[in-house]
All heavy atoms as atom14 arrays in JSON, in Angstrom:
{
  "sequence": "YIFYPVNEWHLENVLLFFGVGSSVGAMFSAIVFTASAFSLPMIMDRKT",
  "atom14_mask": [
    [1, 1, 1, 1, 1, 1, 1, 1, 1, 1, 1, 1, 0, 0],
    [1, 1, 1, 1, 1, 1, 1, 1, 0, 0, 0, 0, 0, 0],
    [1, 1, 1, 1, 1, 1, 1, 1, 1, 1, 1, 0, 0, 0],
    [1, 1, 1, 1, 1, 1, 1, 1, 1, 1, 1, 1, 0, 0],
    [1, 1, 1, 1, 1, 1, 1, 0, 0, 0, 0, 0, 0, 0],
    [1, 1, 1, 1, 1, 1, 1, 0, 0, 0, 0, 0, 0, 0],
    [1, 1, 1, 1, 1, 1, 1, 1, 0, 0, 0, 0, 0, 0],
    [1, 1, 1, 1, 1, 1, 1, 1, 1, 0, 0, 0, 0, 0],
    [1, 1, 1, 1, 1, 1, 1, 1, 1, 1, 1, 1, 1, 1],
    [1, 1, 1, 1, 1, 1, 1, 1, 1, 1, 0, 0, 0, 0],
    [1, 1, 1, 1, 1, 1, 1, 1, 0, 0, 0, 0, 0, 0],
    [1, 1, 1, 1, 1, 1, 1, 1, 1, 0, 0, 0, 0, 0],
    [1, 1, 1, 1, 1, 1, 1, 1, 0, 0, 0, 0, 0, 0],
    [1, 1, 1, 1, 1, 1, 1, 0, 0, 0, 0, 0, 0, 0],
    [1, 1, 1, 1, 1, 1, 1, 1, 0, 0, 0, 0, 0, 0],
    [1, 1, 1, 1, 1, 1, 1, 1, 0, 0, 0, 0, 0, 0],
    [1, 1, 1, 1, 1, 1, 1, 1, 1, 1, 1, 0, 0, 0],
    [1, 1, 1, 1, 1, 1, 1, 1, 1, 1, 1, 0, 0, 0],
    [1, 1, 1, 1, 0, 0, 0, 0, 0, 0, 0, 0, 0, 0],
    [1, 1, 1, 1, 1, 1, 1, 0, 0, 0, 0, 0, 0, 0],
    [1, 1, 1, 1, 0, 0, 0, 0, 0, 0, 0, 0, 0, 0],
    [1, 1, 1, 1, 1, 1, 0, 0, 0, 0, 0, 0, 0, 0],
    [1, 1, 1, 1, 1, 1, 0, 0, 0, 0, 0, 0, 0, 0],
    [1, 1, 1, 1, 1, 1, 1, 0, 0, 0, 0, 0, 0, 0],
    [1, 1, 1, 1, 0, 0, 0, 0, 0, 0, 0, 0, 0, 0],
    [1, 1, 1, 1, 1, 0, 0, 0, 0, 0, 0, 0, 0, 0],
    [1, 1, 1, 1, 1, 1, 1, 1, 0, 0, 0, 0, 0, 0],
    [1, 1, 1, 1, 1, 1, 1, 1, 1, 1, 1, 0, 0, 0],
    [1, 1, 1, 1, 1, 1, 0, 0, 0, 0, 0, 0, 0, 0],
    [1, 1, 1, 1, 1, 0, 0, 0, 0, 0, 0, 0, 0, 0],
    [1, 1, 1, 1, 1, 1, 1, 1, 0, 0, 0, 0, 0, 0],
    [1, 1, 1, 1, 1, 1, 1, 0, 0, 0, 0, 0, 0, 0],
    [1, 1, 1, 1, 1, 1, 1, 1, 1, 1, 1, 0, 0, 0],
    [1, 1, 1, 1, 1, 1, 1, 0, 0, 0, 0, 0, 0, 0],
    [1, 1, 1, 1, 1, 0, 0, 0, 0, 0, 0, 0, 0, 0],
    [1, 1, 1, 1, 1, 1, 0, 0, 0, 0, 0, 0, 0, 0],
    [1, 1, 1, 1, 1, 0, 0, 0, 0, 0, 0, 0, 0, 0],
    [1, 1, 1, 1, 1, 1, 1, 1, 1, 1, 1, 0, 0, 0],
    [1, 1, 1, 1, 1, 1, 0, 0, 0, 0, 0, 0, 0, 0],
    [1, 1, 1, 1, 1, 1, 1, 1, 0, 0, 0, 0, 0, 0],
    [1, 1, 1, 1, 1, 1, 1, 0, 0, 0, 0, 0, 0, 0],
    [1, 1, 1, 1, 1, 1, 1, 1, 0, 0, 0, 0, 0, 0],
    [1, 1, 1, 1, 1, 1, 1, 1, 0, 0, 0, 0, 0, 0],
    [1, 1, 1, 1, 1, 1, 1, 1, 0, 0, 0, 0, 0, 0],
    [1, 1, 1, 1, 1, 1, 1, 1, 0, 0, 0, 0, 0, 0],
    [1, 1, 1, 1, 1, 1, 1, 1, 1, 1, 1, 0, 0, 0],
    [1, 1, 1, 1, 1, 1, 1, 1, 1, 0, 0, 0, 0, 0],
    [1, 1, 1, 1, 1, 1, 1, 0, 0, 0, 0, 0, 0, 0]
  ],
  "atom14_positions": [
    [[102.75, 113.85, 98.4], [103.12, 114.64, 97.21], [102.76, 116.13, 97.46], [103.5, 117.04, 97.01], [102.37, 114.15, 95.98], [102.63, 114.96, 94.72], [103.82, 114.74, 94.03], [101.72, 115.89, 94.27], [104.09, 115.49, 92.89], [101.97, 116.65, 93.11], [103.18, 116.42, 92.43], [103.42, 117.14, 91.32], [0.0, 0.0, 0.0], [0.0, 0.0, 0.0]],
    [[101.66, 116.37, 98.19], [101.27, 117.75, 98.49], [102.28, 118.41, 99.44], [102.68, 119.56, 99.2], [99.87, 117.79, 99.12], [98.8, 117.35, 98.08], [99.54, 119.16, 99.68], [97.42, 117.16, 98.67], [0.0, 0.0, 0.0], [0.0, 0.0, 0.0], [0.0, 0.0, 0.0], [0.0, 0.0, 0.0], [0.0, 0.0, 0.0], [0.0, 0.0, 0.0]],
    [[102.72, 117.69, 100.43], [103.65, 118.26, 101.41], [105.07, 118.28, 100.91], [105.89, 119.12, 101.34], [103.57, 117.5, 102.71], [102.33, 117.79, 103.51], [101.3, 116.85, 103.58], [102.13, 119.02, 104.13], [100.14, 117.1, 104.33], [100.99, 119.29, 104.88], [100.0, 118.31, 104.95], [0.0, 0.0, 0.0], [0.0, 0.0, 0.0], [0.0, 0.0, 0.0]],
    [[105.42, 117.37, 99.98], [106.79, 117.3, 99.46], [106.75, 117.29, 97.95], [107.05, 116.29, 97.29], [107.51, 116.04, 99.96], [107.56, 115.96, 101.47], [106.63, 115.16, 102.15], [108.49, 116.66, 102.23], [106.64, 115.09, 103.56], [108.54, 116.57, 103.59], [107.61, 115.79, 104.25], [107.62, 115.71, 105.61], [0.0, 0.0, 0.0], [0.0, 0.0, 0.0]],
    [[106.32, 118.38, 97.28], [106.15, 118.41, 95.85], [107.47, 118.3, 95.12], [108.54, 118.71, 95.6], [105.5, 119.76, 95.56], [105.91, 120.59, 96.74], [105.99, 119.68, 97.92], [0.0, 0.0, 0.0], [0.0, 0.0, 0.0], [0.0, 0.0, 0.0], [0.0, 0.0, 0.0], [0.0, 0.0, 0.0], [0.0, 0.0, 0.0], [0.0, 0.0, 0.0]],
    [[107.44, 117.67, 93.9], [108.65, 117.5, 93.11], [108.42, 118.11, 91.74], [109.0, 117.62, 90.78], [109.03, 116.03, 93.01], [109.51, 115.48, 94.36], [107.87, 115.19, 92.48], [0.0, 0.0, 0.0], [0.0, 0.0, 0.0], [0.0, 0.0, 0.0], [0.0, 0.0, 0.0], [0.0, 0.0, 0.0], [0.0, 0.0, 0.0], [0.0, 0.0, 0.0]],
    [[107.61, 119.12, 91.62], [107.32, 119.68, 90.32], [108.55, 120.23, 89.62], [108.7, 120.1, 88.38], [106.27, 120.81, 90.48], [104.94, 120.32, 90.94], [104.56, 119.21, 90.54], [104.22, 121.07, 91.73], [0.0, 0.0, 0.0], [0.0, 0.0, 0.0], [0.0, 0.0, 0.0], [0.0, 0.0, 0.0], [0.0, 0.0, 0.0], [0.0, 0.0, 0.0]],
    [[109.46, 120.8, 90.38], [110.68, 121.36, 89.75], [111.82, 120.41, 89.68], [112.87, 120.68, 89.13], [111.07, 122.62, 90.49], [110.0, 123.72, 90.45], [110.46, 124.98, 91.19], [111.6, 125.03, 91.64], [109.65, 125.94, 91.25], [0.0, 0.0, 0.0], [0.0, 0.0, 0.0], [0.0, 0.0, 0.0], [0.0, 0.0, 0.0], [0.0, 0.0, 0.0]],
    [[111.66, 119.24, 90.26], [112.6, 118.13, 90.22], [114.0, 118.52, 90.71], [115.0, 118.16, 90.2], [112.7, 117.58, 88.81], [111.45, 116.89, 88.37], [110.49, 117.39, 87.64], [111.07, 115.57, 88.78], [109.47, 116.47, 87.48], [109.8, 115.33, 88.17], [111.64, 114.53, 89.52], [109.1, 114.14, 88.31], [110.95, 113.34, 89.68], [109.71, 113.15, 89.08]],
    [[114.03, 119.33, 91.76], [115.28, 119.56, 92.47], [115.69, 118.32, 93.2], [114.86, 117.62, 93.79], [115.18, 120.74, 93.44], [114.89, 122.05, 92.78], [115.71, 122.54, 91.73], [113.93, 122.97, 92.98], [115.23, 123.69, 91.31], [114.14, 124.03, 92.04], [0.0, 0.0, 0.0], [0.0, 0.0, 0.0], [0.0, 0.0, 0.0], [0.0, 0.0, 0.0]],
    [[116.99, 117.99, 93.23], [117.46, 116.78, 93.82], [117.02, 116.64, 95.28], [116.59, 115.54, 95.71], [119.0, 116.68, 93.72], [119.62, 115.42, 94.29], [119.09, 114.16, 93.62], [121.13, 115.47, 94.22], [0.0, 0.0, 0.0], [0.0, 0.0, 0.0], [0.0, 0.0, 0.0], [0.0, 0.0, 0.0], [0.0, 0.0, 0.0], [0.0, 0.0, 0.0]],
    [[117.11, 117.68, 96.04], [116.74, 117.66, 97.46], [115.27, 117.3, 97.6], [114.89, 116.45, 98.47], [117.05, 118.98, 98.11], [116.75, 119.02, 99.6], [117.06, 120.34, 100.23], [117.64, 121.22, 99.55], [116.69, 120.55, 101.43], [0.0, 0.0, 0.0], [0.0, 0.0, 0.0], [0.0, 0.0, 0.0], [0.0, 0.0, 0.0], [0.0, 0.0, 0.0]],
    [[114.41, 117.91, 96.8], [112.99, 117.65, 96.93], [112.65, 116.23, 96.49], [111.81, 115.55, 97.09], [112.19, 118.66, 96.05], [112.27, 120.03, 96.56], [112.5, 120.27, 97.75], [112.12, 121.04, 95.71], [0.0, 0.0, 0.0], [0.0, 0.0, 0.0], [0.0, 0.0, 0.0], [0.0, 0.0, 0.0], [0.0, 0.0, 0.0], [0.0, 0.0, 0.0]],
    [[113.33, 115.77, 95.41], [113.09, 114.43, 94.93], [113.46, 113.39, 95.96], [112.7, 112.44, 96.24], [113.85, 114.16, 93.61], [113.76, 112.69, 93.21], [113.29, 115.06, 92.49], [0.0, 0.0, 0.0], [0.0, 0.0, 0.0], [0.0, 0.0, 0.0], [0.0, 0.0, 0.0], [0.0, 0.0, 0.0], [0.0, 0.0, 0.0], [0.0, 0.0, 0.0]],
    [[114.65, 113.56, 96.57], [115.12, 112.6, 97.59], [114.17, 112.6, 98.81], [113.88, 111.54, 99.35], [116.53, 112.95, 98.01], [117.62, 112.73, 96.96], [118.98, 113.18, 97.48], [117.67, 111.27, 96.53], [0.0, 0.0, 0.0], [0.0, 0.0, 0.0], [0.0, 0.0, 0.0], [0.0, 0.0, 0.0], [0.0, 0.0, 0.0], [0.0, 0.0, 0.0]],
    [[113.71, 113.78, 99.21], [112.86, 113.86, 100.33], [111.5, 113.19, 100.07], [110.94, 112.44, 100.87], [112.61, 115.33, 100.74], [111.86, 115.6, 102.05], [112.61, 114.95, 103.21], [111.69, 117.09, 102.28], [0.0, 0.0, 0.0], [0.0, 0.0, 0.0], [0.0, 0.0, 0.0], [0.0, 0.0, 0.0], [0.0, 0.0, 0.0], [0.0, 0.0, 0.0]],
    [[110.97, 113.45, 98.84], [109.7, 112.86, 98.47], [109.75, 111.36, 98.45], [108.91, 110.67, 99.05], [109.31, 113.38, 97.08], [108.09, 112.72, 96.48], [106.81, 112.94, 96.97], [108.25, 111.79, 95.44], [105.72, 112.29, 96.41], [107.17, 111.14, 94.88], [105.9, 111.39, 95.39], [0.0, 0.0, 0.0], [0.0, 0.0, 0.0], [0.0, 0.0, 0.0]],
    [[110.77, 110.83, 97.75], [110.9, 109.39, 97.69], [111.27, 108.74, 99.03], [110.88, 107.58, 99.28], [111.91, 108.96, 96.59], [111.35, 109.08, 95.21], [111.67, 110.12, 94.36], [110.5, 108.08, 94.71], [111.16, 110.22, 93.08], [109.95, 108.17, 93.46], [110.29, 109.24, 92.61], [0.0, 0.0, 0.0], [0.0, 0.0, 0.0], [0.0, 0.0, 0.0]],
    [[112.05, 109.46, 99.83], [112.39, 108.94, 101.14], [111.17, 108.75, 102.03], [110.96, 107.72, 102.63], [0.0, 0.0, 0.0], [0.0, 0.0, 0.0], [0.0, 0.0, 0.0], [0.0, 0.0, 0.0], [0.0, 0.0, 0.0], [0.0, 0.0, 0.0], [0.0, 0.0, 0.0], [0.0, 0.0, 0.0], [0.0, 0.0, 0.0], [0.0, 0.0, 0.0]],
    [[110.38, 109.84, 102.16], [109.16, 109.79, 102.97], [108.15, 108.77, 102.39], [107.57, 107.93, 103.06], [108.53, 111.18, 103.08], [107.21, 111.07, 103.82], [109.49, 112.11, 103.78], [0.0, 0.0, 0.0], [0.0, 0.0, 0.0], [0.0, 0.0, 0.0], [0.0, 0.0, 0.0], [0.0, 0.0, 0.0], [0.0, 0.0, 0.0], [0.0, 0.0, 0.0]],
    [[108.0, 108.84, 101.03], [107.04, 107.92, 100.4], [107.43, 106.48, 100.53], [106.58, 105.62, 100.82], [0.0, 0.0, 0.0], [0.0, 0.0, 0.0], [0.0, 0.0, 0.0], [0.0, 0.0, 0.0], [0.0, 0.0, 0.0], [0.0, 0.0, 0.0], [0.0, 0.0, 0.0], [0.0, 0.0, 0.0], [0.0, 0.0, 0.0], [0.0, 0.0, 0.0]],
    [[108.72, 106.19, 100.41], [109.17, 104.79, 100.58], [108.98, 104.3, 102.01], [108.61, 103.14, 102.19], [110.68, 104.69, 100.18], [110.85, 105.06, 98.85], [0.0, 0.0, 0.0], [0.0, 0.0, 0.0], [0.0, 0.0, 0.0], [0.0, 0.0, 0.0], [0.0, 0.0, 0.0], [0.0, 0.0, 0.0], [0.0, 0.0, 0.0], [0.0, 0.0, 0.0]],
    [[109.2, 105.16, 102.97], [109.0, 104.78, 104.38], [107.56, 104.43, 104.67], [107.23, 103.42, 105.27], [109.48, 105.87, 105.31], [110.87, 106.12, 105.1], [0.0, 0.0, 0.0], [0.0, 0.0, 0.0], [0.0, 0.0, 0.0], [0.0, 0.0, 0.0], [0.0, 0.0, 0.0], [0.0, 0.0, 0.0], [0.0, 0.0, 0.0], [0.0, 0.0, 0.0]],
    [[106.66, 105.28, 104.24], [105.23, 105.05, 104.44], [104.76, 103.84, 103.62], [104.03, 102.99, 104.15], [104.41, 106.3, 104.06], [102.9, 106.02, 104.19], [104.81, 107.48, 104.93], [0.0, 0.0, 0.0], [0.0, 0.0, 0.0], [0.0, 0.0, 0.0], [0.0, 0.0, 0.0], [0.0, 0.0, 0.0], [0.0, 0.0, 0.0], [0.0, 0.0, 0.0]],
    [[105.22, 103.76, 102.38], [104.82, 102.59, 101.54], [105.34, 101.3, 102.11], [104.67, 100.27, 102.04], [0.0, 0.0, 0.0], [0.0, 0.0, 0.0], [0.0, 0.0, 0.0], [0.0, 0.0, 0.0], [0.0, 0.0, 0.0], [0.0, 0.0, 0.0], [0.0, 0.0, 0.0], [0.0, 0.0, 0.0], [0.0, 0.0, 0.0], [0.0, 0.0, 0.0]],
    [[106.56, 101.3, 102.69], [107.09, 100.06, 103.28], [106.24, 99.61, 104.42], [106.06, 98.4, 104.62], [108.52, 100.32, 103.73], [0.0, 0.0, 0.0], [0.0, 0.0, 0.0], [0.0, 0.0, 0.0], [0.0, 0.0, 0.0], [0.0, 0.0, 0.0], [0.0, 0.0, 0.0], [0.0, 0.0, 0.0], [0.0, 0.0, 0.0], [0.0, 0.0, 0.0]],
    [[105.71, 100.52, 105.19], [104.81, 100.14, 106.3], [103.56, 99.47, 105.82], [103.16, 98.41, 106.3], [104.47, 101.37, 107.18], [103.55, 101.08, 108.35], [103.09, 102.6, 109.21], [102.08, 103.41, 107.98], [0.0, 0.0, 0.0], [0.0, 0.0, 0.0], [0.0, 0.0, 0.0], [0.0, 0.0, 0.0], [0.0, 0.0, 0.0], [0.0, 0.0, 0.0]],
    [[102.92, 100.08, 104.83], [101.72, 99.47, 104.21], [102.05, 98.13, 103.6], [101.3, 97.15, 103.75], [101.14, 100.41, 103.17], [100.29, 101.52, 103.65], [100.8, 102.76, 103.92], [98.93, 101.31, 103.91], [100.01, 103.79, 104.41], [98.11, 102.3, 104.41], [98.66, 103.59, 104.65], [0.0, 0.0, 0.0], [0.0, 0.0, 0.0], [0.0, 0.0, 0.0]],
    [[103.16, 98.05, 102.89], [103.52, 96.84, 102.2], [103.78, 95.68, 103.2], [103.46, 94.55, 102.94], [104.78, 97.05, 101.32], [104.53, 97.99, 100.37], [0.0, 0.0, 0.0], [0.0, 0.0, 0.0], [0.0, 0.0, 0.0], [0.0, 0.0, 0.0], [0.0, 0.0, 0.0], [0.0, 0.0, 0.0], [0.0, 0.0, 0.0], [0.0, 0.0, 0.0]],
    [[104.44, 96.01, 104.33], [104.71, 94.98, 105.33], [103.43, 94.43, 105.91], [103.34, 93.2, 106.11], [105.55, 95.63, 106.46], [0.0, 0.0, 0.0], [0.0, 0.0, 0.0], [0.0, 0.0, 0.0], [0.0, 0.0, 0.0], [0.0, 0.0, 0.0], [0.0, 0.0, 0.0], [0.0, 0.0, 0.0], [0.0, 0.0, 0.0], [0.0, 0.0, 0.0]],
    [[102.46, 95.26, 106.13], [101.15, 94.78, 106.63], [100.48, 93.85, 105.6], [100.0, 92.76, 105.96], [100.24, 95.96, 106.98], [100.83, 96.76, 108.14], [98.84, 95.48, 107.32], [100.1, 98.08, 108.42], [0.0, 0.0, 0.0], [0.0, 0.0, 0.0], [0.0, 0.0, 0.0], [0.0, 0.0, 0.0], [0.0, 0.0, 0.0], [0.0, 0.0, 0.0]],
    [[100.45, 94.3, 104.37], [99.83, 93.51, 103.32], [100.56, 92.22, 103.08], [99.93, 91.13, 102.98], [99.76, 94.34, 102.01], [99.25, 93.45, 100.87], [98.85, 95.53, 102.18], [0.0, 0.0, 0.0], [0.0, 0.0, 0.0], [0.0, 0.0, 0.0], [0.0, 0.0, 0.0], [0.0, 0.0, 0.0], [0.0, 0.0, 0.0], [0.0, 0.0, 0.0]],
    [[101.9, 92.24, 103.04], [102.66, 91.03, 102.86], [102.42, 90.02, 103.99], [102.23, 88.83, 103.72], [104.16, 91.38, 102.78], [105.06, 90.17, 102.64], [105.18, 89.54, 101.41], [105.71, 89.66, 103.75], [105.99, 88.42, 101.32], [106.52, 88.55, 103.64], [106.63, 87.9, 102.41], [0.0, 0.0, 0.0], [0.0, 0.0, 0.0], [0.0, 0.0, 0.0]],
    [[102.41, 90.48, 105.21], [102.21, 89.61, 106.36], [100.84, 88.92, 106.24], [100.7, 87.7, 106.54], [102.27, 90.38, 107.66], [103.58, 90.98, 107.78], [102.06, 89.49, 108.85], [0.0, 0.0, 0.0], [0.0, 0.0, 0.0], [0.0, 0.0, 0.0], [0.0, 0.0, 0.0], [0.0, 0.0, 0.0], [0.0, 0.0, 0.0], [0.0, 0.0, 0.0]],
    [[99.83, 89.65, 105.83], [98.45, 89.09, 105.78], [98.23, 88.2, 104.56], [97.44, 87.27, 104.58], [97.44, 90.21, 105.73], [0.0, 0.0, 0.0], [0.0, 0.0, 0.0], [0.0, 0.0, 0.0], [0.0, 0.0, 0.0], [0.0, 0.0, 0.0], [0.0, 0.0, 0.0], [0.0, 0.0, 0.0], [0.0, 0.0, 0.0], [0.0, 0.0, 0.0]],
    [[98.99, 88.42, 103.46], [98.68, 87.76, 102.21], [99.71, 86.76, 101.75], [99.53, 86.05, 100.75], [98.51, 88.78, 101.09], [99.72, 89.51, 100.87], [0.0, 0.0, 0.0], [0.0, 0.0, 0.0], [0.0, 0.0, 0.0], [0.0, 0.0, 0.0], [0.0, 0.0, 0.0], [0.0, 0.0, 0.0], [0.0, 0.0, 0.0], [0.0, 0.0, 0.0]],
    [[100.85, 86.59, 102.44], [101.91, 85.77, 101.98], [101.45, 84.33, 101.74], [101.83, 83.71, 100.75], [103.09, 85.73, 103.01], [0.0, 0.0, 0.0], [0.0, 0.0, 0.0], [0.0, 0.0, 0.0], [0.0, 0.0, 0.0], [0.0, 0.0, 0.0], [0.0, 0.0, 0.0], [0.0, 0.0, 0.0], [0.0, 0.0, 0.0], [0.0, 0.0, 0.0]],
    [[100.6, 83.8, 102.65], [100.15, 82.42, 102.48], [98.62, 82.25, 102.55], [98.09, 81.17, 102.39], [100.77, 81.55, 103.58], [102.24, 81.52, 103.58], [102.96, 82.08, 104.65], [102.98, 81.0, 102.52], [104.38, 82.09, 104.66], [104.36, 81.0, 102.52], [105.06, 81.54, 103.58], [0.0, 0.0, 0.0], [0.0, 0.0, 0.0], [0.0, 0.0, 0.0]],
    [[97.9, 83.36, 102.82], [96.46, 83.22, 103.08], [95.68, 82.83, 101.85], [94.85, 81.88, 101.9], [95.94, 84.54, 103.64], [96.23, 85.64, 102.79], [0.0, 0.0, 0.0], [0.0, 0.0, 0.0], [0.0, 0.0, 0.0], [0.0, 0.0, 0.0], [0.0, 0.0, 0.0], [0.0, 0.0, 0.0], [0.0, 0.0, 0.0], [0.0, 0.0, 0.0]],
    [[95.9, 83.51, 100.72], [95.1, 83.18, 99.54], [95.46, 81.81, 98.95], [94.54, 81.1, 98.54], [95.27, 84.3, 98.46], [94.5, 85.55, 98.76], [94.87, 86.66, 97.82], [93.0, 85.31, 98.72], [0.0, 0.0, 0.0], [0.0, 0.0, 0.0], [0.0, 0.0, 0.0], [0.0, 0.0, 0.0], [0.0, 0.0, 0.0], [0.0, 0.0, 0.0]],
    [[96.75, 81.41, 98.92], [97.03, 80.04, 98.48], [96.35, 79.01, 99.39], [95.87, 77.97, 98.9], [98.56, 79.94, 98.6], [99.02, 81.33, 98.42], [98.0, 82.18, 99.08], [0.0, 0.0, 0.0], [0.0, 0.0, 0.0], [0.0, 0.0, 0.0], [0.0, 0.0, 0.0], [0.0, 0.0, 0.0], [0.0, 0.0, 0.0], [0.0, 0.0, 0.0]],
    [[96.26, 79.33, 100.71], [95.6, 78.4, 101.62], [94.09, 78.21, 101.31], [93.6, 77.08, 101.33], [95.8, 78.85, 103.06], [95.24, 77.85, 104.07], [95.61, 78.31, 105.78], [94.69, 77.07, 106.69], [0.0, 0.0, 0.0], [0.0, 0.0, 0.0], [0.0, 0.0, 0.0], [0.0, 0.0, 0.0], [0.0, 0.0, 0.0], [0.0, 0.0, 0.0]],
    [[93.39, 79.34, 101.09], [91.96, 79.2, 100.82], [91.73, 78.59, 99.45], [90.66, 78.03, 99.2], [91.18, 80.51, 100.98], [91.57, 81.5, 99.88], [91.39, 81.13, 102.35], [90.55, 82.63, 99.72], [0.0, 0.0, 0.0], [0.0, 0.0, 0.0], [0.0, 0.0, 0.0], [0.0, 0.0, 0.0], [0.0, 0.0, 0.0], [0.0, 0.0, 0.0]],
    [[92.72, 78.74, 98.54], [92.63, 78.04, 97.24], [92.8, 76.54, 97.41], [92.14, 75.77, 96.72], [93.69, 78.64, 96.3], [93.63, 78.12, 94.89], [92.41, 78.93, 93.91], [92.76, 78.28, 92.29], [0.0, 0.0, 0.0], [0.0, 0.0, 0.0], [0.0, 0.0, 0.0], [0.0, 0.0, 0.0], [0.0, 0.0, 0.0], [0.0, 0.0, 0.0]],
    [[93.66, 76.18, 98.32], [94.01, 74.76, 98.5], [93.05, 74.01, 99.42], [92.76, 72.84, 99.21], [95.44, 74.69, 99.06], [95.9, 73.28, 99.27], [95.67, 72.39, 98.42], [96.51, 73.0, 100.36], [0.0, 0.0, 0.0], [0.0, 0.0, 0.0], [0.0, 0.0, 0.0], [0.0, 0.0, 0.0], [0.0, 0.0, 0.0], [0.0, 0.0, 0.0]],
    [[92.57, 74.7, 100.44], [91.8, 74.04, 101.52], [90.44, 74.69, 101.72], [90.23, 75.87, 101.46], [92.57, 74.11, 102.84], [93.93, 73.38, 102.78], [93.76, 71.9, 102.8], [95.04, 71.23, 102.42], [95.26, 69.93, 102.59], [94.31, 69.16, 103.16], [96.38, 69.36, 102.19], [0.0, 0.0, 0.0], [0.0, 0.0, 0.0], [0.0, 0.0, 0.0]],
    [[89.49, 73.94, 102.26], [88.17, 74.48, 102.56], [88.17, 75.16, 103.89], [87.86, 74.56, 104.94], [87.15, 73.3, 102.5], [86.99, 72.65, 101.14], [86.03, 71.48, 101.2], [85.92, 70.83, 99.8], [84.99, 69.65, 99.8], [0.0, 0.0, 0.0], [0.0, 0.0, 0.0], [0.0, 0.0, 0.0], [0.0, 0.0, 0.0], [0.0, 0.0, 0.0]],
    [[88.66, 76.36, 103.91], [88.81, 77.12, 105.11], [88.33, 78.55, 104.88], [87.92, 78.87, 103.77], [90.27, 77.1, 105.63], [90.37, 77.76, 106.88], [91.18, 77.81, 104.65], [0.0, 0.0, 0.0], [0.0, 0.0, 0.0], [0.0, 0.0, 0.0], [0.0, 0.0, 0.0], [0.0, 0.0, 0.0], [0.0, 0.0, 0.0], [0.0, 0.0, 0.0]]
  ]
}
């Protein structure tokens, strides 16, 4: 947000902000999804 501010809500700035943010967020989300897709149900179900 600091490097790609959208205070004035110009279309170019908004698209750049959400584009960069979505790319970085997708990376974090992929890591979390891979680790958590089945892990918590497994420890709920089994003594592991």
